[in-house]
Amino acid sequence: MAKLPVPLTFDWDPGNVEKNWQKHKVHFKEAEEVFFNKLLIILEDIKHSQKENRFIALGITNENRNLYIVFTIRNKKIRIISARNQSKSERRLNVNKEA
């Protein structure tokens, strides 16, 4: 399980900022909101952790948009790699956690 840095700070690759907007219409500030809101679920992304530890965050933005975020932690900062809408099955994980 990822231990999130305190305080929560973010480091963005400019290419990922643009890619997430163009491909998924997720603004980088909206992706950051997930880490400050309730119902945050963090899972290890074992499949993609060969070079560095990667994690998956399932959470909700301030506008109640359910996002699936892939991130790593570098130099005590959260580095978001990808952000997109959650699938139906991923949203069920949030509902089950709330119950």
N, C-alpha and C. Protein backbone atom coordinates (compact mmCIF):
# COMPACT_ATOMS: atom_id res chain seq x y z
N MET A 1 0.85 -1.19 0.00
CA MET A 1 0.00 0.00 0.00
C MET A 1 0.89 1.24 0.00
N ALA A 2 0.50 2.21 -0.76
CA ALA A 2 1.26 3.45 -0.85
C ALA A 2 1.05 4.29 0.39
N LYS A 3 2.13 4.79 0.93
CA LYS A 3 2.03 5.78 2.00
C LYS A 3 2.16 7.13 1.32
N LEU A 4 1.05 7.87 1.32
CA LEU A 4 1.04 9.16 0.63
C LEU A 4 1.90 10.17 1.36
N PRO A 5 2.62 10.99 0.62
CA PRO A 5 3.48 11.99 1.27
C PRO A 5 2.65 13.06 1.99
N VAL A 6 3.22 13.58 3.06
CA VAL A 6 2.58 14.67 3.80
C VAL A 6 3.58 15.81 3.85
N PRO A 7 3.19 16.99 3.40
CA PRO A 7 1.89 17.35 2.81
C PRO A 7 1.79 16.77 1.40
N LEU A 8 0.54 16.66 0.93
CA LEU A 8 0.30 16.15 -0.42
C LEU A 8 0.77 17.20 -1.43
N THR A 9 1.76 16.82 -2.20
CA THR A 9 2.24 17.69 -3.27
C THR A 9 2.33 16.85 -4.54
N PHE A 10 2.30 17.53 -5.68
CA PHE A 10 2.24 16.84 -6.95
C PHE A 10 3.35 17.32 -7.87
N ASP A 11 3.79 16.40 -8.72
CA ASP A 11 4.80 16.68 -9.73
C ASP A 11 4.25 16.14 -11.04
N TRP A 12 4.09 17.01 -12.02
CA TRP A 12 3.48 16.63 -13.29
C TRP A 12 4.48 16.69 -14.43
N ASP A 13 4.45 15.68 -15.26
CA ASP A 13 5.16 15.71 -16.53
C ASP A 13 4.26 16.48 -17.50
N PRO A 14 4.76 17.53 -18.14
CA PRO A 14 3.90 18.32 -19.04
C PRO A 14 3.22 17.48 -20.12
N GLY A 15 3.89 16.45 -20.61
CA GLY A 15 3.28 15.57 -21.61
C GLY A 15 2.08 14.82 -21.07
N ASN A 16 2.14 14.41 -19.79
CA ASN A 16 1.00 13.70 -19.19
C ASN A 16 -0.17 14.65 -18.94
N VAL A 17 0.11 15.89 -18.62
CA VAL A 17 -0.96 16.88 -18.44
C VAL A 17 -1.76 16.98 -19.73
N GLU A 18 -1.06 17.15 -20.84
CA GLU A 18 -1.70 17.30 -22.14
C GLU A 18 -2.39 16.00 -22.57
N LYS A 19 -1.71 14.87 -22.37
CA LYS A 19 -2.26 13.57 -22.78
C LYS A 19 -3.58 13.28 -22.05
N ASN A 20 -3.61 13.51 -20.74
CA ASN A 20 -4.82 13.23 -19.97
C ASN A 20 -5.97 14.14 -20.38
N TRP A 21 -5.66 15.37 -20.75
CA TRP A 21 -6.71 16.27 -21.21
C TRP A 21 -7.21 15.85 -22.60
N GLN A 22 -6.29 15.62 -23.52
CA GLN A 22 -6.69 15.27 -24.89
C GLN A 22 -7.43 13.94 -24.96
N LYS A 23 -6.95 12.94 -24.25
CA LYS A 23 -7.50 11.60 -24.36
C LYS A 23 -8.74 11.38 -23.48
N HIS A 24 -8.74 11.95 -22.27
CA HIS A 24 -9.80 11.64 -21.29
C HIS A 24 -10.56 12.85 -20.78
N LYS A 25 -10.15 14.07 -21.21
CA LYS A 25 -10.77 15.32 -20.74
C LYS A 25 -10.70 15.44 -19.22
N VAL A 26 -9.55 15.06 -18.65
CA VAL A 26 -9.31 15.21 -17.22
C VAL A 26 -8.24 16.29 -17.04
N HIS A 27 -8.62 17.41 -16.41
CA HIS A 27 -7.69 18.49 -16.11
C HIS A 27 -6.81 18.05 -14.94
N PHE A 28 -5.55 18.44 -14.95
CA PHE A 28 -4.63 17.98 -13.90
C PHE A 28 -5.07 18.39 -12.50
N LYS A 29 -5.68 19.56 -12.34
CA LYS A 29 -6.14 19.98 -11.01
C LYS A 29 -7.31 19.12 -10.55
N GLU A 30 -8.16 18.71 -11.49
CA GLU A 30 -9.28 17.84 -11.15
C GLU A 30 -8.76 16.48 -10.68
N ALA A 31 -7.73 15.96 -11.31
CA ALA A 31 -7.13 14.69 -10.89
C ALA A 31 -6.56 14.79 -9.48
N GLU A 32 -5.96 15.91 -9.14
CA GLU A 32 -5.39 16.09 -7.81
C GLU A 32 -6.47 16.08 -6.72
N GLU A 33 -7.67 16.56 -7.03
CA GLU A 33 -8.76 16.62 -6.04
C GLU A 33 -9.06 15.26 -5.42
N VAL A 34 -8.91 14.21 -6.21
CA VAL A 34 -9.23 12.86 -5.75
C VAL A 34 -8.49 12.52 -4.46
N PHE A 35 -7.25 12.98 -4.34
CA PHE A 35 -6.42 12.63 -3.19
C PHE A 35 -6.84 13.35 -1.90
N PHE A 36 -7.68 14.35 -2.01
CA PHE A 36 -8.13 15.12 -0.84
C PHE A 36 -9.55 14.77 -0.41
N ASN A 37 -10.27 13.96 -1.19
CA ASN A 37 -11.67 13.66 -0.92
C ASN A 37 -11.85 12.28 -0.31
N LYS A 38 -13.00 12.09 0.32
CA LYS A 38 -13.32 10.81 0.95
C LYS A 38 -13.50 9.73 -0.11
N LEU A 39 -13.55 8.51 0.35
CA LEU A 39 -13.73 7.32 -0.49
C LEU A 39 -12.55 7.08 -1.42
N LEU A 40 -11.39 7.50 -1.02
CA LEU A 40 -10.19 7.24 -1.81
C LEU A 40 -9.74 5.81 -1.55
N ILE A 41 -9.62 5.05 -2.63
CA ILE A 41 -9.13 3.68 -2.55
C ILE A 41 -7.80 3.65 -3.29
N ILE A 42 -6.77 3.11 -2.65
CA ILE A 42 -5.45 3.01 -3.29
C ILE A 42 -5.06 1.54 -3.34
N LEU A 43 -4.70 1.11 -4.54
CA LEU A 43 -4.30 -0.27 -4.78
C LEU A 43 -2.91 -0.29 -5.40
N GLU A 44 -2.18 -1.37 -5.18
CA GLU A 44 -0.89 -1.53 -5.84
C GLU A 44 -1.12 -1.94 -7.29
N ASP A 45 -0.36 -1.37 -8.19
CA ASP A 45 -0.42 -1.75 -9.61
C ASP A 45 0.78 -2.65 -9.88
N ILE A 46 0.67 -3.89 -9.45
CA ILE A 46 1.78 -4.84 -9.54
C ILE A 46 2.20 -5.08 -11.00
N LYS A 47 1.22 -5.14 -11.88
CA LYS A 47 1.49 -5.43 -13.28
C LYS A 47 2.42 -4.41 -13.93
N HIS A 48 2.34 -3.15 -13.49
CA HIS A 48 3.13 -2.08 -14.10
C HIS A 48 4.21 -1.53 -13.17
N SER A 49 4.65 -2.32 -12.22
CA SER A 49 5.62 -1.84 -11.23
C SER A 49 7.01 -2.43 -11.42
N GLN A 50 7.40 -2.77 -12.63
CA GLN A 50 8.72 -3.36 -12.84
C GLN A 50 9.84 -2.36 -12.60
N LYS A 51 9.71 -1.13 -13.11
CA LYS A 51 10.77 -0.13 -12.97
C LYS A 51 10.63 0.72 -11.72
N GLU A 52 9.41 0.96 -11.28
CA GLU A 52 9.14 1.73 -10.07
C GLU A 52 7.77 1.30 -9.54
N ASN A 53 7.53 1.51 -8.26
CA ASN A 53 6.23 1.15 -7.69
C ASN A 53 5.16 2.08 -8.23
N ARG A 54 4.13 1.46 -8.79
CA ARG A 54 2.98 2.23 -9.28
C ARG A 54 1.75 1.83 -8.50
N PHE A 55 0.83 2.78 -8.42
CA PHE A 55 -0.39 2.59 -7.66
C PHE A 55 -1.59 3.07 -8.46
N ILE A 56 -2.76 2.58 -8.05
CA ILE A 56 -4.02 3.00 -8.65
C ILE A 56 -4.84 3.67 -7.56
N ALA A 57 -5.37 4.83 -7.87
CA ALA A 57 -6.27 5.54 -6.95
C ALA A 57 -7.65 5.58 -7.59
N LEU A 58 -8.65 5.15 -6.84
CA LEU A 58 -10.04 5.27 -7.25
C LEU A 58 -10.66 6.28 -6.32
N GLY A 59 -11.19 7.36 -6.89
CA GLY A 59 -11.73 8.39 -6.03
C GLY A 59 -12.67 9.32 -6.77
N ILE A 60 -13.10 10.34 -6.04
CA ILE A 60 -14.13 11.26 -6.52
C ILE A 60 -13.59 12.69 -6.49
N THR A 61 -13.89 13.44 -7.55
CA THR A 61 -13.48 14.85 -7.61
C THR A 61 -14.49 15.71 -6.83
N ASN A 62 -14.21 16.99 -6.75
CA ASN A 62 -15.12 17.91 -6.06
C ASN A 62 -16.48 17.99 -6.75
N GLU A 63 -16.52 17.66 -8.04
CA GLU A 63 -17.78 17.68 -8.81
C GLU A 63 -18.38 16.28 -8.92
N ASN A 64 -17.94 15.35 -8.06
CA ASN A 64 -18.44 13.97 -8.01
C ASN A 64 -18.16 13.16 -9.27
N ARG A 65 -17.09 13.46 -9.94
CA ARG A 65 -16.65 12.65 -11.07
C ARG A 65 -15.76 11.53 -10.53
N ASN A 66 -16.06 10.30 -10.90
CA ASN A 66 -15.30 9.14 -10.44
C ASN A 66 -14.10 8.93 -11.36
N LEU A 67 -12.89 9.04 -10.79
CA LEU A 67 -11.68 8.90 -11.60
C LEU A 67 -10.85 7.69 -11.19
N TYR A 68 -10.17 7.14 -12.17
CA TYR A 68 -9.20 6.06 -12.02
C TYR A 68 -7.85 6.69 -12.34
N ILE A 69 -6.96 6.69 -11.37
CA ILE A 69 -5.69 7.39 -11.54
C ILE A 69 -4.53 6.42 -11.30
N VAL A 70 -3.58 6.42 -12.21
CA VAL A 70 -2.34 5.67 -12.04
C VAL A 70 -1.28 6.68 -11.63
N PHE A 71 -0.55 6.35 -10.57
CA PHE A 71 0.47 7.29 -10.08
C PHE A 71 1.63 6.55 -9.46
N THR A 72 2.70 7.29 -9.26
CA THR A 72 3.86 6.82 -8.53
C THR A 72 4.23 7.91 -7.53
N ILE A 73 5.16 7.61 -6.66
CA ILE A 73 5.65 8.62 -5.72
C ILE A 73 7.13 8.79 -5.99
N ARG A 74 7.49 10.03 -6.36
CA ARG A 74 8.90 10.37 -6.63
C ARG A 74 9.28 11.59 -5.82
N ASN A 75 10.39 11.49 -5.13
CA ASN A 75 10.90 12.62 -4.35
C ASN A 75 9.83 13.20 -3.43
N LYS A 76 9.08 12.32 -2.77
CA LYS A 76 8.03 12.69 -1.80
C LYS A 76 6.90 13.50 -2.45
N LYS A 77 6.69 13.29 -3.75
CA LYS A 77 5.60 13.94 -4.46
C LYS A 77 4.82 12.90 -5.25
N ILE A 78 3.52 13.13 -5.36
CA ILE A 78 2.67 12.25 -6.17
C ILE A 78 2.85 12.66 -7.63
N ARG A 79 3.20 11.70 -8.45
CA ARG A 79 3.36 11.95 -9.89
C ARG A 79 2.29 11.15 -10.62
N ILE A 80 1.28 11.85 -11.11
CA ILE A 80 0.18 11.20 -11.79
C ILE A 80 0.60 10.89 -13.22
N ILE A 81 0.41 9.63 -13.59
CA ILE A 81 0.79 9.15 -14.91
C ILE A 81 -0.41 9.19 -15.85
N SER A 82 -1.56 8.75 -15.34
CA SER A 82 -2.76 8.68 -16.16
C SER A 82 -3.99 8.92 -15.29
N ALA A 83 -4.99 9.56 -15.87
CA ALA A 83 -6.26 9.80 -15.17
C ALA A 83 -7.39 9.68 -16.19
N ARG A 84 -8.41 8.91 -15.82
CA ARG A 84 -9.56 8.70 -16.70
C ARG A 84 -10.79 8.44 -15.86
N ASN A 85 -11.97 8.41 -16.51
CA ASN A 85 -13.19 8.04 -15.81
C ASN A 85 -13.11 6.58 -15.38
N GLN A 86 -13.73 6.27 -14.25
CA GLN A 86 -13.80 4.89 -13.81
C GLN A 86 -14.79 4.11 -14.66
N SER A 87 -14.51 2.82 -14.83
CA SER A 87 -15.45 1.93 -15.49
C SER A 87 -16.58 1.61 -14.51
N LYS A 88 -17.62 0.97 -15.00
CA LYS A 88 -18.75 0.58 -14.16
C LYS A 88 -18.29 -0.33 -13.01
N SER A 89 -17.45 -1.30 -13.32
CA SER A 89 -16.99 -2.21 -12.26
C SER A 89 -16.09 -1.49 -11.26
N GLU A 90 -15.32 -0.53 -11.70
CA GLU A 90 -14.48 0.25 -10.78
C GLU A 90 -15.34 1.12 -9.87
N ARG A 91 -16.42 1.67 -10.40
CA ARG A 91 -17.33 2.48 -9.57
C ARG A 91 -17.98 1.62 -8.49
N ARG A 92 -18.22 0.36 -8.78
CA ARG A 92 -18.81 -0.54 -7.77
C ARG A 92 -17.88 -0.69 -6.57
N LEU A 93 -16.59 -0.65 -6.80
CA LEU A 93 -15.63 -0.73 -5.68
C LEU A 93 -15.85 0.43 -4.70
N ASN A 94 -16.10 1.63 -5.22
CA ASN A 94 -16.36 2.79 -4.37
C ASN A 94 -17.65 2.61 -3.59
N VAL A 95 -18.69 2.09 -4.24
CA VAL A 95 -19.99 1.88 -3.58
C VAL A 95 -19.84 0.87 -2.45
N ASN A 96 -19.11 -0.21 -2.73
CA ASN A 96 -18.91 -1.24 -1.70
C ASN A 96 -18.10 -0.71 -0.53
N LYS A 97 -17.16 0.15 -0.79
CA LYS A 97 -16.33 0.73 0.29
C LYS A 97 -17.19 1.66 1.16
N GLU A 98 -18.14 2.34 0.54
CA GLU A 98 -19.00 3.28 1.27
C GLU A 98 -19.95 2.55 2.21
N ALA A 99 -20.38 1.36 1.83
CA ALA A 99 -21.39 0.60 2.62
C ALA A 99 -20.85 0.13 3.94
